Structure formats: structure tokens, C-alpha cells
Amino acid sequence: MAGLIGCLYVLLSIVVIIMLLIKRNHDQIKKRGLLLMVSSIFFTGSTVLITLLRIAIGRDIFPCFLYMFANIVFNLTIVGILVLRSYRFLGMLMFSRLKSTRTFASSSKAILYMNRLRKYLALIALVVMLFAHISYWLVLLGVAAAFNDNYFTAYGCKVNLMVVLCGVAPVCFYCAAEILFLIMVVVFKMKDTLGIVVQLVVTIFIYVVISVAFIIAQVVKEYNEKVEPHFPALWFLSFGLIFDNICNTVVPCINTFDFSNLRRAFLPSHEPLLSDDIYAALEDEKIRSNLKDFATRSLSVEDILCWEDIQEYKAIEQKEDKILKADEIVRTYLAANCPMEVNVPMAQKIIKNINEHIEQATSNTDPSQDEHLYDLVFQKLEFLVLTNMADVFSRFLVEVNSKK
């Protein structure tokens, strides 16, 4: 059963990865989601494979070292997923504790700088935690080898403290780390706009339950004698791992897909699809500033910044300045690997149209022809970024109403 569920999970993750590669998606979510699922597939598949081999070969003749290796792979899976999942929490912490949030949100360069800093911190945390775990495993294996000369060639791992430590101690450490995250959320009064607190609570509950079940299964003598051959204790860890991965890696990536954008782009009339509240909020300086603050903490401020740049473009009268602003918008929000990429369908087609109009405006001496640059292209781009903004705006309204 554990192997079947593990195989289904791997297949589901592969399908979602293919969807992420085919369908254009938010750059940060795409990279994070791919990294999470690729690492999850590798380590989950390894754990499930070793578990099935232990059952097929027989627990009494299965090499003890490979059994311990399965626990190590399981622990490595958790640490990798925890660090990558904490990537968003780290961003929420940095954005929430920044005093000059509005000033920060108004500068795309500052946002780009903080995104890079957050990536470096996540990488440093990953390296430190992996080094700590490798040291931990080496100490455990060294102690085991010191007390058992044939540990690496022995068969049939006996129930002892070493097995419990390898399987449960790291899980308890992760639970303690996530509980610390929750305490930080309460103490620092951080604003959770990404649902991280819910993920932390659910994950802690899952790992507490499977850890208790694993300890009971290893300690109770009757379980080892009667149940273990049919339902190995490692299955508790495998089920918890697979459930965690599905909830925290696959589902969030699926939720990032918005298949309605392409359909809306071809509708003849765009205006009725957008709520008047969005336009009213963007026209109000104070509300737009608060909305930008919320979007910054949600790591999705690029749509608002793009909308503001489009408004600046519309207000420009000089032809040369309009051309420069149009080129800046393309390089900042639409070009491949741009710093603030917006998730819009047919981005390459929009870039092509803008470049064509820039060439026409450059060679045309009639100022009235410059209006075509906005009328034919930027109006559609403005609608697309406003459509993307609808999700952030709805969550912003929930936060505002909750304070009343």
C-alpha cells in the first residue's frame, strides 16, 4: 500500500512538473515548485523503494545498514522540503518586519535586491542544515559501529535506541523549528498573506502523530512480533512524508495555475469582467499604497508596479520619452528572465507588437500616430495585469474587513 501510494504521488508530481514546463507561470513559484517536487520525487521514490525491498527480501535478512539508509533518506527529504517551504516564510518575515514598507514597495530595485538577499539566505540555511544532518548521521553511525563490529554487514535490524533516534529525533527537531516559526509569527505580529501558518500547523500535527506512532511501534513488543512483518513501522513515516509532500508541494503548484487568463484575453469586451472596486482602489493613493504593501508581503507586487508604469506611460507626451518608457516596461516585466516578470499569456506576442510600434513611432514624424502604441497594445497589457491582480485584491479585502 505504501509503495502504491508513493508511486501514485511520483506520477502526480511528474504530471504537474510537465504542466509547469508547458504553461507559462509565475517565475518564483515555478522555480520553487519545480525544485520542491524534483527533490521530493527523488527522495520519496528512494524511501519507498527501500521500504518495498525490505518487505520483499524479508525484515530478518534485509541489511541493517540499508534500513538505516532509508531513515537517512527520509530525514533528508524532510530537511530539504522544510527549507524550501520556509523560503516563503523567510520572505514573509523580512517583508513584515521592514519598517518603511511603503517606501520599499514603491521601488522595484529594492524589491529585486530583497528577493536576491532572500534567495542567498535560503541557500545558506540549506547548506548549514545539510551539514548539521551529515554530522549527525556520521556520529550515529560511528557510535553504532563502535558498539557493533558487524553493524554494516549485519542483517535484521533489532529494535534499539539507534533506530528510534535515526527515525524520530530529526522529525522532532523539525517540529520544534516550525513551532518556533509560529511563535515568531505571534511575537512579531507578522501578517501571513500566503497561508503559511495553516501549513505549519497541519505539518506539525502530521509529524507529531506519525512520530508517536513510530515510537509506539518500535517500543511495543507485540507490534514487532505480530504486526511489523505485515505493516512495517517505517510505513508510518512514509505515509506522513507522502501526505506532507502532496499538501505542501503539489497542491500549491496546482493552485498557481490560472487557466482563465487565456480565455479572457480573447473575449471581445474586457471591462465588465473586472470589478469597479479594483479601479477605485488603484485611483485612491492611500488604498493603493496599502494594497501595494499587501502585495509586497505576498511576493506578487509586480502586477501593481507594471500597472503604475503603464499609467506613467499614458501620461507622457513627448514621443522620445514614450519610446523609452515602453522599452523599459518590456525589459522590466515582459522579457525573458526579467527582474519583475508578470504572468500574462502571449507575452512574446505583446513584446513583438510593442517593438513594432516603437519602430513605427521612431520613424514617424506625426505625433498623433504615437497613440497607437498604447491603444493597440498597452490597453490589453493593462487589462491582463489587472486580471492577475484580482486574486491579491480579493485577499487584501479579506484582511481589511477582518480589521473592522
Protein backbone atom coordinates (compact mmCIF):
# COMPACT_ATOMS: atom_id res chain seq x y z
CA MET A 1 0.00 0.00 0.00
CA ALA A 2 2.78 2.44 0.89
CA GLY A 3 4.55 1.63 -2.36
CA LEU A 4 1.36 2.12 -4.37
CA ILE A 5 0.64 5.50 -2.79
CA GLY A 6 4.26 6.52 -3.26
CA CYS A 7 4.16 5.58 -6.95
CA LEU A 8 0.89 7.49 -7.45
CA TYR A 9 2.44 10.52 -5.77
CA VAL A 10 5.51 10.36 -8.03
CA LEU A 11 3.29 10.11 -11.13
CA LEU A 12 1.16 13.05 -9.95
CA SER A 13 4.27 15.16 -9.35
CA ILE A 14 5.65 14.33 -12.80
CA VAL A 15 2.36 15.40 -14.42
CA VAL A 16 2.39 18.70 -12.51
CA ILE A 17 6.04 19.31 -13.47
CA ILE A 18 5.16 18.80 -17.14
CA MET A 19 2.30 21.28 -16.73
CA LEU A 20 4.66 23.79 -15.12
CA LEU A 21 7.11 23.42 -18.00
CA ILE A 22 4.44 23.75 -20.70
CA LYS A 23 2.27 26.50 -19.22
CA ARG A 24 3.86 29.87 -18.53
CA ASN A 25 3.65 30.54 -14.81
CA HIS A 26 4.91 32.93 -12.14
CA ASP A 27 8.71 32.72 -12.24
CA GLN A 28 9.30 32.48 -8.47
CA ILE A 29 6.54 29.91 -7.94
CA LYS A 30 7.69 27.93 -10.95
CA LYS A 31 11.31 27.59 -9.81
CA ARG A 32 10.36 26.86 -6.22
CA GLY A 33 7.70 24.36 -7.22
CA LEU A 34 9.98 22.51 -9.62
CA LEU A 35 12.80 22.33 -7.08
CA LEU A 36 10.44 21.10 -4.38
CA MET A 37 8.85 18.40 -6.50
CA VAL A 38 12.03 17.15 -8.17
CA SER A 39 13.75 16.72 -4.80
CA SER A 40 10.57 15.25 -3.35
CA ILE A 41 10.24 12.72 -6.19
CA PHE A 42 13.85 11.58 -5.83
CA PHE A 43 13.90 11.16 -2.06
CA THR A 44 10.35 9.85 -1.74
CA GLY A 45 10.98 7.34 -4.50
CA SER A 46 14.18 6.18 -2.79
CA THR A 47 12.42 5.77 0.55
CA VAL A 48 9.50 3.85 -0.96
CA LEU A 49 11.87 1.63 -2.98
CA ILE A 50 13.95 0.64 0.05
CA THR A 51 10.79 0.03 2.08
CA LEU A 52 9.42 -2.30 -0.61
CA LEU A 53 12.77 -4.10 -0.88
CA ARG A 54 12.82 -4.65 2.88
CA ILE A 55 9.36 -6.19 2.69
CA ALA A 56 10.17 -8.29 -0.39
CA ILE A 57 13.52 -9.58 0.87
CA GLY A 58 12.38 -10.03 4.46
CA ARG A 59 12.98 -7.90 7.50
CA ASP A 60 15.16 -10.55 9.14
CA ILE A 61 17.60 -10.82 6.23
CA PHE A 62 17.46 -7.25 4.93
CA PRO A 63 20.82 -5.48 5.53
CA CYS A 64 20.66 -3.30 8.60
CA PHE A 65 22.75 -0.58 7.00
CA LEU A 66 20.28 -0.19 4.12
CA TYR A 67 17.43 0.08 6.61
CA MET A 68 19.26 2.89 8.38
CA PHE A 69 19.97 4.45 4.99
CA ALA A 70 16.22 4.51 4.32
CA ASN A 71 15.76 6.51 7.51
CA ILE A 72 18.55 8.87 6.44
CA VAL A 73 16.92 9.42 3.04
CA PHE A 74 13.62 10.10 4.77
CA ASN A 75 15.23 12.68 7.04
CA LEU A 76 16.99 14.33 4.10
CA THR A 77 13.65 14.62 2.34
CA ILE A 78 12.13 16.42 5.29
CA VAL A 79 15.01 18.86 5.73
CA GLY A 80 15.03 19.77 2.05
CA ILE A 81 11.30 20.32 1.88
CA LEU A 82 11.29 22.22 5.18
CA VAL A 83 13.97 24.66 4.00
CA LEU A 84 12.35 25.18 0.61
CA ARG A 85 8.93 25.62 2.18
CA SER A 86 10.43 28.07 4.67
CA TYR A 87 11.62 30.10 1.68
CA ARG A 88 8.22 31.82 1.63
CA PHE A 89 8.20 32.15 5.41
CA LEU A 90 11.60 33.84 5.27
CA GLY A 91 10.25 36.31 2.76
CA MET A 92 7.17 36.96 4.89
CA LEU A 93 9.40 37.59 7.92
CA MET A 94 11.63 40.06 6.08
CA PHE A 95 8.79 41.95 4.44
CA SER A 96 6.66 42.11 7.58
CA ARG A 97 9.41 43.42 9.82
CA LEU A 98 10.54 46.10 7.39
CA LYS A 99 9.59 49.45 8.90
CA SER A 100 9.49 51.51 5.71
CA THR A 101 7.26 49.10 3.83
CA ARG A 102 5.57 51.68 1.65
CA THR A 103 8.84 53.25 0.57
CA PHE A 104 10.21 49.79 -0.05
CA ALA A 105 7.20 48.72 -2.06
CA SER A 106 7.48 51.75 -4.31
CA SER A 107 10.93 50.79 -5.53
CA SER A 108 11.26 47.82 -7.90
CA LYS A 109 15.05 47.89 -7.43
CA ALA A 110 14.65 47.46 -3.67
CA ILE A 111 12.26 44.55 -4.22
CA LEU A 112 14.71 42.92 -6.61
CA TYR A 113 17.53 43.37 -4.09
CA MET A 114 15.48 41.84 -1.26
CA ASN A 115 14.46 38.89 -3.45
CA ARG A 116 18.13 38.15 -4.15
CA LEU A 117 19.03 38.51 -0.47
CA ARG A 118 16.22 36.14 0.47
CA LYS A 119 17.50 33.55 -2.02
CA TYR A 120 21.01 33.75 -0.56
CA LEU A 121 19.67 33.34 2.98
CA ALA A 122 17.63 30.31 1.93
CA LEU A 123 20.70 28.78 0.26
CA ILE A 124 22.85 29.41 3.36
CA ALA A 125 20.18 27.86 5.59
CA LEU A 126 20.01 24.80 3.33
CA VAL A 127 23.79 24.30 3.36
CA VAL A 128 24.01 24.73 7.15
CA MET A 129 21.17 22.30 7.82
CA LEU A 130 22.56 19.69 5.43
CA PHE A 131 26.00 19.96 7.07
CA ALA A 132 24.41 19.57 10.51
CA HIS A 133 22.49 16.48 9.38
CA ILE A 134 25.50 14.85 7.77
CA SER A 135 27.44 15.36 11.01
CA TYR A 136 24.51 13.95 12.99
CA TRP A 137 24.31 10.82 10.83
CA LEU A 138 28.07 10.25 10.93
CA VAL A 139 28.05 10.44 14.73
CA LEU A 140 25.16 7.97 14.94
CA LEU A 141 26.76 5.53 12.51
CA GLY A 142 30.10 5.85 14.28
CA VAL A 143 28.57 5.12 17.67
CA ALA A 144 26.65 2.18 16.21
CA ALA A 145 29.78 0.77 14.59
CA ALA A 146 31.76 1.18 17.82
CA PHE A 147 29.30 -0.95 19.78
CA ASN A 148 28.67 -3.46 16.98
CA ASP A 149 31.60 -4.67 14.90
CA ASN A 150 29.41 -6.21 12.20
CA TYR A 151 26.91 -3.34 12.02
CA PHE A 152 27.49 -2.61 8.34
CA THR A 153 27.16 -6.29 7.38
CA ALA A 154 24.51 -7.32 9.91
CA TYR A 155 21.05 -8.43 8.87
CA GLY A 156 17.73 -7.78 10.54
CA CYS A 157 17.96 -4.52 12.45
CA LYS A 158 16.99 -5.01 16.07
CA VAL A 159 14.73 -2.60 17.85
CA ASN A 160 17.08 -0.31 19.72
CA LEU A 161 17.63 3.31 20.59
CA MET A 162 19.67 3.93 17.43
CA VAL A 163 16.71 3.12 15.17
CA VAL A 164 14.43 5.40 17.16
CA LEU A 165 16.99 8.23 17.12
CA CYS A 166 17.55 7.99 13.37
CA GLY A 167 13.84 7.93 12.63
CA VAL A 168 12.29 10.29 15.16
CA ALA A 169 14.87 12.72 16.58
CA PRO A 170 15.22 14.77 13.36
CA VAL A 171 11.44 14.87 12.97
CA CYS A 172 11.15 16.27 16.49
CA PHE A 173 13.77 18.86 15.57
CA TYR A 174 11.74 19.96 12.54
CA CYS A 175 8.57 20.16 14.62
CA ALA A 176 10.41 22.32 17.16
CA ALA A 177 11.67 24.59 14.36
CA GLU A 178 8.19 25.02 12.93
CA ILE A 179 6.74 25.68 16.39
CA LEU A 180 9.41 28.37 16.73
CA PHE A 181 8.16 29.83 13.44
CA LEU A 182 4.64 30.01 14.85
CA ILE A 183 5.90 31.72 18.00
CA MET A 184 7.74 34.27 15.85
CA VAL A 185 4.52 34.93 13.91
CA VAL A 186 2.70 35.73 17.17
CA VAL A 187 5.51 37.67 18.88
CA PHE A 188 6.44 39.80 15.85
CA LYS A 189 2.79 40.15 14.77
CA MET A 190 3.64 39.13 11.24
CA LYS A 191 0.93 39.35 8.59
CA ASP A 192 0.50 35.99 6.92
CA THR A 193 -0.74 36.56 3.37
CA LEU A 194 0.40 33.19 1.99
CA GLY A 195 -1.33 30.67 4.26
CA ILE A 196 1.99 29.67 5.84
CA VAL A 197 0.61 29.47 9.38
CA VAL A 198 -2.00 26.92 8.29
CA GLN A 199 0.68 24.85 6.58
CA LEU A 200 2.86 24.95 9.70
CA VAL A 201 0.03 23.84 11.99
CA VAL A 202 -1.03 20.99 9.69
CA THR A 203 2.57 19.84 9.15
CA ILE A 204 3.36 19.87 12.87
CA PHE A 205 0.22 17.87 13.62
CA ILE A 206 1.09 15.28 10.95
CA TYR A 207 4.65 14.77 12.15
CA VAL A 208 3.68 14.61 15.82
CA VAL A 209 1.15 11.87 15.04
CA ILE A 210 3.50 9.79 12.87
CA SER A 211 6.38 10.22 15.34
CA VAL A 212 4.24 8.95 18.21
CA ALA A 213 3.02 6.05 16.06
CA PHE A 214 6.57 5.19 15.02
CA ILE A 215 7.86 5.22 18.61
CA ILE A 216 4.97 3.08 19.84
CA ALA A 217 5.51 0.61 17.01
CA GLN A 218 9.21 0.30 17.83
CA VAL A 219 8.78 0.01 21.58
CA VAL A 220 5.75 -2.28 21.86
CA LYS A 221 6.94 -5.87 21.73
CA GLU A 222 3.68 -7.30 20.42
CA TYR A 223 3.77 -4.97 17.42
CA ASN A 224 7.27 -6.09 16.42
CA GLU A 225 6.32 -9.74 16.69
CA LYS A 226 2.86 -9.75 15.09
CA VAL A 227 2.24 -6.57 13.10
CA GLU A 228 5.69 -5.48 11.89
CA PRO A 229 6.01 -8.24 9.22
CA HIS A 230 2.71 -7.11 7.65
CA PHE A 231 2.78 -3.36 8.39
CA PRO A 232 6.35 -2.12 8.97
CA ALA A 233 6.76 0.85 11.29
CA LEU A 234 8.58 2.70 8.52
CA TRP A 235 5.25 2.90 6.71
CA PHE A 236 4.09 5.48 9.26
CA LEU A 237 6.95 7.73 8.22
CA SER A 238 6.33 7.05 4.53
CA PHE A 239 2.62 7.90 4.77
CA GLY A 240 3.40 11.10 6.66
CA LEU A 241 6.07 12.08 4.15
CA ILE A 242 3.83 11.49 1.14
CA PHE A 243 0.92 13.37 2.74
CA ASP A 244 3.23 16.27 3.59
CA ASN A 245 4.60 16.42 0.07
CA ILE A 246 1.18 16.38 -1.56
CA CYS A 247 -0.16 19.12 0.73
CA ASN A 248 2.88 21.38 0.62
CA THR A 249 4.41 20.86 -2.83
CA VAL A 250 1.93 19.52 -5.37
CA VAL A 251 -1.26 21.31 -4.27
CA PRO A 252 0.32 24.82 -4.03
CA CYS A 253 1.77 24.40 -7.53
CA ILE A 254 -1.60 23.32 -8.93
CA ASN A 255 -3.22 26.33 -7.28
CA THR A 256 -0.86 28.69 -9.13
CA PHE A 257 -2.40 27.79 -12.49
CA ASP A 258 -4.94 30.26 -13.82
CA PHE A 259 -6.44 28.83 -16.98
CA SER A 260 -8.96 31.66 -17.23
CA ASN A 261 -6.39 34.25 -18.38
CA LEU A 262 -6.11 32.83 -21.88
CA ARG A 263 -9.88 32.62 -22.26
CA ARG A 264 -10.39 36.17 -21.03
CA ALA A 265 -7.74 37.52 -23.38
CA PHE A 266 -9.84 36.62 -26.43
CA LEU A 267 -13.16 37.94 -25.17
CA PRO A 268 -14.41 40.97 -27.15
CA SER A 269 -15.29 43.05 -24.10
CA HIS A 270 -12.88 43.16 -21.14
CA GLU A 271 -14.20 45.87 -18.87
CA PRO A 272 -17.23 44.06 -17.34
CA LEU A 273 -15.02 41.21 -16.13
CA LEU A 274 -13.12 43.42 -13.68
CA SER A 275 -14.70 44.78 -10.54
CA ASP A 276 -15.08 48.52 -10.25
CA ASP A 277 -13.60 48.18 -6.75
CA ILE A 278 -10.17 47.44 -8.24
CA TYR A 279 -10.22 50.61 -10.33
CA ALA A 280 -11.45 52.65 -7.36
CA ALA A 281 -8.73 51.21 -5.10
CA LEU A 282 -5.98 51.94 -7.61
CA GLU A 283 -7.17 55.51 -8.13
CA ASP A 284 -7.05 56.19 -4.37
CA GLU A 285 -3.44 56.90 -3.34
CA LYS A 286 -3.83 55.64 0.24
CA ILE A 287 -5.66 52.44 -0.68
CA ARG A 288 -3.22 51.73 -3.50
CA SER A 289 -0.31 52.18 -1.10
CA ASN A 290 -1.86 49.69 1.34
CA LEU A 291 -2.64 47.29 -1.50
CA LYS A 292 0.96 47.55 -2.70
CA ASP A 293 2.14 46.82 0.84
CA PHE A 294 -0.06 43.73 0.94
CA ALA A 295 1.10 42.58 -2.50
CA THR A 296 4.73 43.06 -1.47
CA ARG A 297 4.25 40.82 1.55
CA SER A 298 2.52 38.32 -0.73
CA LEU A 299 5.53 38.34 -3.09
CA SER A 300 3.30 39.38 -6.02
CA VAL A 301 3.78 43.12 -6.34
CA GLU A 302 4.94 43.07 -9.97
CA ASP A 303 1.41 43.48 -11.38
CA ILE A 304 0.78 46.70 -9.44
CA LEU A 305 4.20 48.08 -10.38
CA CYS A 306 3.56 47.25 -14.02
CA TRP A 307 0.15 48.96 -13.86
CA GLU A 308 1.75 52.08 -12.37
CA ASP A 309 4.38 52.16 -15.11
CA ILE A 310 1.64 51.87 -17.73
CA GLN A 311 -0.12 54.86 -16.17
CA GLU A 312 3.15 56.79 -16.33
CA TYR A 313 3.48 55.83 -19.97
CA LYS A 314 -0.05 57.08 -20.71
CA ALA A 315 0.75 60.43 -19.10
CA ILE A 316 3.91 61.03 -21.15
CA GLU A 317 3.51 63.44 -24.07
CA GLN A 318 6.97 63.50 -25.65
CA LYS A 319 7.47 60.83 -28.32
CA GLU A 320 11.06 60.04 -27.30
CA ASP A 321 10.09 59.65 -23.65
CA LYS A 322 7.18 57.35 -24.57
CA ILE A 323 9.51 55.13 -26.56
CA LEU A 324 11.98 54.91 -23.67
CA LYS A 325 9.19 54.11 -21.20
CA ALA A 326 7.75 51.42 -23.46
CA ASP A 327 11.16 49.81 -23.79
CA GLU A 328 11.62 49.96 -20.00
CA ILE A 329 8.29 48.18 -19.45
CA VAL A 330 9.29 45.41 -21.86
CA ARG A 331 12.69 44.88 -20.22
CA THR A 332 11.28 45.01 -16.67
CA TYR A 333 8.06 43.00 -16.91
CA LEU A 334 7.84 41.03 -20.18
CA ALA A 335 11.27 39.98 -21.45
CA ALA A 336 12.67 36.55 -20.64
CA ASN A 337 14.44 36.41 -17.25
CA CYS A 338 13.37 39.96 -16.49
CA PRO A 339 13.56 41.07 -12.83
CA MET A 340 9.78 41.57 -12.31
CA GLU A 341 8.16 39.18 -14.79
CA VAL A 342 4.36 39.37 -14.94
CA ASN A 343 2.35 36.24 -15.65
CA VAL A 344 0.48 37.16 -18.83
CA PRO A 345 -0.44 34.94 -21.78
CA MET A 346 1.18 35.54 -25.16
CA ALA A 347 3.92 37.71 -23.65
CA GLN A 348 6.20 37.22 -26.65
CA LYS A 349 3.45 38.40 -29.00
CA ILE A 350 2.94 41.51 -26.87
CA ILE A 351 6.69 42.22 -26.93
CA LYS A 352 6.73 41.84 -30.70
CA ASN A 353 3.81 44.26 -31.11
CA ILE A 354 5.41 46.81 -28.80
CA ASN A 355 8.73 46.64 -30.64
CA GLU A 356 6.96 47.06 -33.98
CA HIS A 357 5.12 50.12 -32.72
CA ILE A 358 8.34 51.53 -31.26
CA GLU A 359 9.95 51.25 -34.71
CA GLN A 360 6.94 52.90 -36.32
CA ALA A 361 6.92 55.70 -33.75
CA THR A 362 10.65 56.25 -34.24
CA SER A 363 10.32 56.63 -37.99
CA ASN A 364 7.03 58.52 -37.93
CA THR A 365 7.07 62.29 -37.61
CA ASP A 366 3.33 62.57 -36.93
CA PRO A 367 2.82 62.75 -33.10
CA SER A 368 -0.78 61.52 -33.41
CA GLN A 369 0.48 58.14 -34.58
CA ASP A 370 2.14 57.56 -31.19
CA GLU A 371 -1.28 56.91 -29.66
CA HIS A 372 -1.41 53.58 -31.47
CA LEU A 373 1.37 52.30 -29.20
CA TYR A 374 -0.95 52.48 -26.19
CA ASP A 375 -4.30 51.91 -27.93
CA LEU A 376 -3.30 48.68 -29.65
CA VAL A 377 -1.01 47.04 -27.12
CA PHE A 378 -0.83 48.63 -23.69
CA GLN A 379 -4.57 48.63 -23.17
CA LYS A 380 -4.56 44.85 -23.41
CA LEU A 381 -1.48 44.58 -21.20
CA GLU A 382 -3.15 46.80 -18.61
CA PHE A 383 -6.20 44.54 -18.54
CA LEU A 384 -4.06 41.41 -18.17
CA VAL A 385 -2.14 42.73 -15.16
CA LEU A 386 -5.40 43.92 -13.59
CA THR A 387 -6.81 40.43 -14.07
CA ASN A 388 -3.76 38.96 -12.34
CA MET A 389 -4.25 41.49 -9.56
CA ALA A 390 -7.78 40.26 -8.82
CA ASP A 391 -6.60 37.41 -6.56
CA VAL A 392 -4.33 39.64 -4.48
CA PHE A 393 -7.05 42.28 -4.30
CA SER A 394 -9.63 39.79 -3.01
CA ARG A 395 -7.26 38.64 -0.23
CA PHE A 396 -6.49 42.27 0.53
CA LEU A 397 -10.20 42.96 1.05
CA VAL A 398 -10.43 39.99 3.43
CA GLU A 399 -7.59 41.42 5.53
CA VAL A 400 -9.16 44.90 5.53
CA ASN A 401 -12.59 43.58 6.52
CA SER A 402 -11.11 41.43 9.29
CA LYS A 403 -9.73 44.58 10.96
CA LYS A 404 -13.11 46.28 11.11
